[in-house]
Each structure stands twice: as structure tokens, then as C-alpha cells.
C-alpha atoms as a PDB file:
ATOM      1  CA  GLN A   1      -4.620 -18.975   2.479  1.00  0.00           C
ATOM      2  CA  VAL A   2      -3.055 -15.573   2.869  1.00  0.00           C
ATOM      3  CA  GLN A   3      -3.842 -13.024   5.548  1.00  0.00           C
ATOM      4  CA  VAL A   4      -3.060  -9.346   5.247  1.00  0.00           C
ATOM      5  CA  VAL A   5      -3.185  -6.940   8.175  1.00  0.00           C
ATOM      6  CA  GLU A   6      -2.585  -3.190   8.017  1.00  0.00           C
ATOM      7  CA  SER A   7      -1.784  -0.966  10.959  1.00  0.00           C
ATOM      8  CA  GLY A   8      -0.406   2.442  11.750  1.00  0.00           C
ATOM      9  CA  GLY A   9      -3.195   4.728  10.687  1.00  0.00           C
ATOM     10  CA  GLY A  10      -4.271   7.714  12.701  1.00  0.00           C
ATOM     11  CA  SER A  11      -4.980  11.429  12.738  1.00  0.00           C
ATOM     12  CA  VAL A  12      -2.308  13.985  11.929  1.00  0.00           C
ATOM     13  CA  GLN A  13      -2.114  17.610  10.990  1.00  0.00           C
ATOM     14  CA  THR A  14      -1.252  18.866   7.548  1.00  0.00           C
ATOM     15  CA  GLY A  15       2.446  18.429   6.930  1.00  0.00           C
ATOM     16  CA  GLY A  16       2.736  15.583   9.395  1.00  0.00           C
ATOM     17  CA  SER A  17       3.940  12.030   8.897  1.00  0.00           C
ATOM     18  CA  LEU A  18       2.697   8.509   9.449  1.00  0.00           C
ATOM     19  CA  ARG A  19       4.092   5.062   8.777  1.00  0.00           C
ATOM     20  CA  LEU A  20       1.700   2.313   7.808  1.00  0.00           C
ATOM     21  CA  SER A  21       2.578  -1.353   8.159  1.00  0.00           C
ATOM     22  CA  CYS A  22       1.311  -4.336   6.224  1.00  0.00           C
ATOM     23  CA  THR A  23       2.010  -7.819   7.540  1.00  0.00           C
ATOM     24  CA  VAL A  24       1.371 -10.804   5.304  1.00  0.00           C
ATOM     25  CA  SER A  25       1.041 -14.305   6.724  1.00  0.00           C
ATOM     26  CA  GLY A  26      -0.036 -17.713   5.559  1.00  0.00           C
ATOM     27  CA  ARG A  27       0.888 -19.138   2.175  1.00  0.00           C
ATOM     28  CA  SER A  28       3.001 -16.213   1.062  1.00  0.00           C
ATOM     29  CA  ALA A  29       5.522 -18.178  -1.011  1.00  0.00           C
ATOM     30  CA  SER A  30       3.544 -17.587  -4.194  1.00  0.00           C
ATOM     31  CA  LEU A  31       3.206 -13.852  -3.707  1.00  0.00           C
ATOM     32  CA  TYR A  32       5.010 -11.464  -6.033  1.00  0.00           C
ATOM     33  CA  ALA A  33       4.271  -7.996  -4.825  1.00  0.00           C
ATOM     34  CA  VAL A  34       2.411  -5.798  -2.396  1.00  0.00           C
ATOM     35  CA  GLY A  35       0.460  -2.718  -3.307  1.00  0.00           C
ATOM     36  CA  TRP A  36      -0.914   0.141  -1.272  1.00  0.00           C
ATOM     37  CA  PHE A  37      -4.251   1.650  -2.232  1.00  0.00           C
ATOM     38  CA  ARG A  38      -6.553   4.163  -0.597  1.00  0.00           C
ATOM     39  CA  GLN A  39     -10.216   4.944  -0.711  1.00  0.00           C
ATOM     40  CA  ALA A  40     -11.807   8.209   0.313  1.00  0.00           C
ATOM     41  CA  PRO A  41     -15.539   8.475   1.035  1.00  0.00           C
ATOM     42  CA  GLY A  42     -17.552   8.417  -2.158  1.00  0.00           C
ATOM     43  CA  LYS A  43     -14.524   7.632  -4.316  1.00  0.00           C
ATOM     44  CA  GLU A  44     -13.098   4.556  -5.944  1.00  0.00           C
ATOM     45  CA  ARG A  45     -10.105   2.715  -4.549  1.00  0.00           C
ATOM     46  CA  GLU A  46      -7.001   4.538  -5.751  1.00  0.00           C
ATOM     47  CA  TYR A  47      -3.509   3.187  -6.352  1.00  0.00           C
ATOM     48  CA  VAL A  48      -0.788   4.645  -4.140  1.00  0.00           C
ATOM     49  CA  ALA A  49       2.377   2.560  -4.434  1.00  0.00           C
ATOM     50  CA  ALA A  50       3.724  -0.929  -4.938  1.00  0.00           C
ATOM     51  CA  ILE A  51       6.812  -2.970  -4.212  1.00  0.00           C
ATOM     52  CA  THR A  52       7.874  -6.413  -5.302  1.00  0.00           C
ATOM     53  CA  TRP A  53       8.229  -9.108  -2.674  1.00  0.00           C
ATOM     54  CA  GLY A  54      12.022  -9.002  -2.713  1.00  0.00           C
ATOM     55  CA  GLY A  55      12.019  -5.345  -1.731  1.00  0.00           C
ATOM     56  CA  GLY A  56      12.181  -3.631  -5.096  1.00  0.00           C
ATOM     57  CA  PRO A  57      11.649  -2.113  -7.524  1.00  0.00           C
ATOM     58  CA  THR A  58       9.049   0.335  -6.297  1.00  0.00           C
ATOM     59  CA  ASP A  59       6.396   2.344  -8.037  1.00  0.00           C
ATOM     60  CA  TYR A  60       4.313   5.341  -7.003  1.00  0.00           C
ATOM     61  CA  ALA A  61       1.257   7.247  -8.063  1.00  0.00           C
ATOM     62  CA  ASP A  62       2.094  10.738  -9.286  1.00  0.00           C
ATOM     63  CA  SER A  63       0.197  12.289  -6.384  1.00  0.00           C
ATOM     64  CA  VAL A  64       2.545  10.834  -3.778  1.00  0.00           C
ATOM     65  CA  ILE A  65       5.943  10.915  -5.487  1.00  0.00           C
ATOM     66  CA  GLY A  66       8.470  12.630  -3.267  1.00  0.00           C
ATOM     67  CA  ARG A  67       6.242  12.327  -0.201  1.00  0.00           C
ATOM     68  CA  PHE A  68       5.593   8.612   0.281  1.00  0.00           C
ATOM     69  CA  THR A  69       8.111   5.781   0.410  1.00  0.00           C
ATOM     70  CA  VAL A  70       7.290   2.091   0.230  1.00  0.00           C
ATOM     71  CA  SER A  71       9.683  -0.481   1.652  1.00  0.00           C
ATOM     72  CA  GLY A  72       9.701  -4.060   2.815  1.00  0.00           C
ATOM     73  CA  ASP A  73      11.223  -6.377   5.374  1.00  0.00           C
ATOM     74  CA  ARG A  74      11.070  -9.705   3.643  1.00  0.00           C
ATOM     75  CA  GLY A  75      12.276 -11.570   6.687  1.00  0.00           C
ATOM     76  CA  GLN A  76       9.263 -10.341   8.619  1.00  0.00           C
ATOM     77  CA  ASN A  77       6.871 -10.421   5.647  1.00  0.00           C
ATOM     78  CA  THR A  78       6.094  -6.841   6.549  1.00  0.00           C
ATOM     79  CA  PHE A  79       5.837  -3.881   4.235  1.00  0.00           C
ATOM     80  CA  TYR A  80       5.742  -0.220   5.070  1.00  0.00           C
ATOM     81  CA  LEU A  81       4.350   2.957   3.621  1.00  0.00           C
ATOM     82  CA  GLN A  82       6.152   5.983   5.038  1.00  0.00           C
ATOM     83  CA  MET A  83       4.036   9.056   4.434  1.00  0.00           C
ATOM     84  CA  THR A  84       5.410  12.560   4.886  1.00  0.00           C
ATOM     85  CA  SER A  85       4.188  16.059   4.072  1.00  0.00           C
ATOM     86  CA  LEU A  86       0.653  14.818   4.413  1.00  0.00           C
ATOM     87  CA  LYS A  87      -2.165  16.800   2.874  1.00  0.00           C
ATOM     88  CA  SER A  88      -5.878  16.858   3.556  1.00  0.00           C
ATOM     89  CA  GLU A  89      -6.453  15.079   0.255  1.00  0.00           C
ATOM     90  CA  ASP A  90      -4.477  12.117   1.599  1.00  0.00           C
ATOM     91  CA  THR A  91      -7.335  11.410   4.008  1.00  0.00           C
ATOM     92  CA  ALA A  92      -8.693   7.948   3.231  1.00  0.00           C
ATOM     93  CA  ILE A  93      -8.779   4.357   4.324  1.00  0.00           C
ATOM     94  CA  TYR A  94      -5.494   2.800   3.251  1.00  0.00           C
ATOM     95  CA  TYR A  95      -5.456  -0.798   2.106  1.00  0.00           C
ATOM     96  CA  CYS A  96      -2.644  -3.222   1.501  1.00  0.00           C
ATOM     97  CA  GLY A  97      -3.069  -5.809  -1.210  1.00  0.00           C
ATOM     98  CA  ALA A  98      -0.918  -8.789  -2.149  1.00  0.00           C
ATOM     99  CA  LEU A  99      -0.762 -10.414  -5.530  1.00  0.00           C
ATOM    100  CA  LYS A 100       0.645 -13.529  -7.130  1.00  0.00           C
ATOM    101  CA  PHE A 101       2.946 -13.429 -10.120  1.00  0.00           C
ATOM    102  CA  LEU A 102       0.900 -13.123 -13.296  1.00  0.00           C
ATOM    103  CA  GLY A 103       3.703 -12.339 -15.699  1.00  0.00           C
ATOM    104  CA  GLU A 104       6.076  -9.449 -16.046  1.00  0.00           C
ATOM    105  CA  ARG A 105       3.986  -7.706 -18.666  1.00  0.00           C
ATOM    106  CA  ILE A 106       0.829  -7.782 -16.564  1.00  0.00           C
ATOM    107  CA  TRP A 107       2.755  -6.522 -13.540  1.00  0.00           C
ATOM    108  CA  THR A 108       4.276  -3.674 -15.542  1.00  0.00           C
ATOM    109  CA  GLU A 109       1.074  -2.619 -17.246  1.00  0.00           C
ATOM    110  CA  GLN A 110      -1.563  -3.290 -14.619  1.00  0.00           C
ATOM    111  CA  ARG A 111      -0.013  -3.028 -11.161  1.00  0.00           C
ATOM    112  CA  THR A 112      -2.132   0.041 -10.481  1.00  0.00           C
ATOM    113  CA  LYS A 113      -5.344  -1.970 -10.905  1.00  0.00           C
ATOM    114  CA  ALA A 114      -6.930  -3.124  -7.674  1.00  0.00           C
ATOM    115  CA  HIS A 115      -8.518  -6.176  -9.290  1.00  0.00           C
ATOM    116  CA  LEU A 116      -5.047  -7.609  -9.875  1.00  0.00           C
ATOM    117  CA  TYR A 117      -4.523  -8.107  -6.153  1.00  0.00           C
ATOM    118  CA  SER A 118      -5.922 -11.307  -4.694  1.00  0.00           C
ATOM    119  CA  PHE A 119      -5.578 -10.662  -0.992  1.00  0.00           C
ATOM    120  CA  TRP A 120      -6.539  -7.579   0.994  1.00  0.00           C
ATOM    121  CA  GLY A 121      -6.396  -6.340   4.530  1.00  0.00           C
ATOM    122  CA  GLN A 122      -9.191  -4.633   6.393  1.00  0.00           C
ATOM    123  CA  GLY A 123      -7.740  -1.166   5.904  1.00  0.00           C
ATOM    124  CA  THR A 124      -6.480   1.505   8.251  1.00  0.00           C
ATOM    125  CA  GLN A 125      -7.868   5.032   8.493  1.00  0.00           C
ATOM    126  CA  VAL A 126      -5.640   8.028   7.843  1.00  0.00           C
ATOM    127  CA  THR A 127      -7.079  11.451   8.606  1.00  0.00           C
ATOM    128  CA  VAL A 128      -5.187  14.644   7.817  1.00  0.00           C
ATOM    129  CA  SER A 129      -6.571  17.881   9.139  1.00  0.00           C
ATOM    130  CA  SER A 130      -5.425  21.485   9.164  1.00  0.00           C
END
């Protein structure tokens, strides 16, 4: 089985920065990529960014381009989401999901879909206030 654990959330002021971590353990050999999603109260889980297991390429939601950076340390099976210039609308629980390889086409066309990811962490709260 695969275990996913997020950490690094917290409370910051508008314009501040946070770095989230996602550590994957267990049977990770079959995993292809890691995605970051977030869910605000009363809203659906929203795609944020993704990175393939080898450390690239990366992909971002339009709302975070230029502000968030996803990276990975394959040796540690740990992935990061560096968040800068945070806004109040970034407030949410952030989740890390891991997925197996389902084909290049599916990855390209559907990587923003939460249902594609088989393994999830418990989430970490990010609160941005003015």
C-alpha cells in the first residue's frame, strides 16, 4: 500500500509564503506523478499543480501560475509546493495525491481530475488573512 502525508500548512498574512511537503511511502515504485489539490469550505476539491515522479515536467492551475512552484526530491520520495504571494482566496485544506501511470494521454488530458489519483494524504490547512 501507499501512504501519503502532507505537512507545512499554517497561517500567514496576505503576501506571505509557505512551503508544503508531501512524503510518499510504501509501494511507491508504481507511482507516476504527484498532484496538489485544495478544498475550501463549501467548495469542490480544486487542482493546484502536479509533477511527475522523476521531478518534471510540472503543471499548474492558472490561478497559481507565477506564485506557486512544485518540486520533488525523488531520493526522499518527498514533494514540495512552494507558495508565495499568498492571497486570501488561497485559504483551503491542501491535499497531496499520488497516481499510477495510466497512459500518457490520460495523464495529459486528465491530470487535473482528482478521481485520477489513487492515494491521498489527510490534508494540511493553509489560512491566509489580511
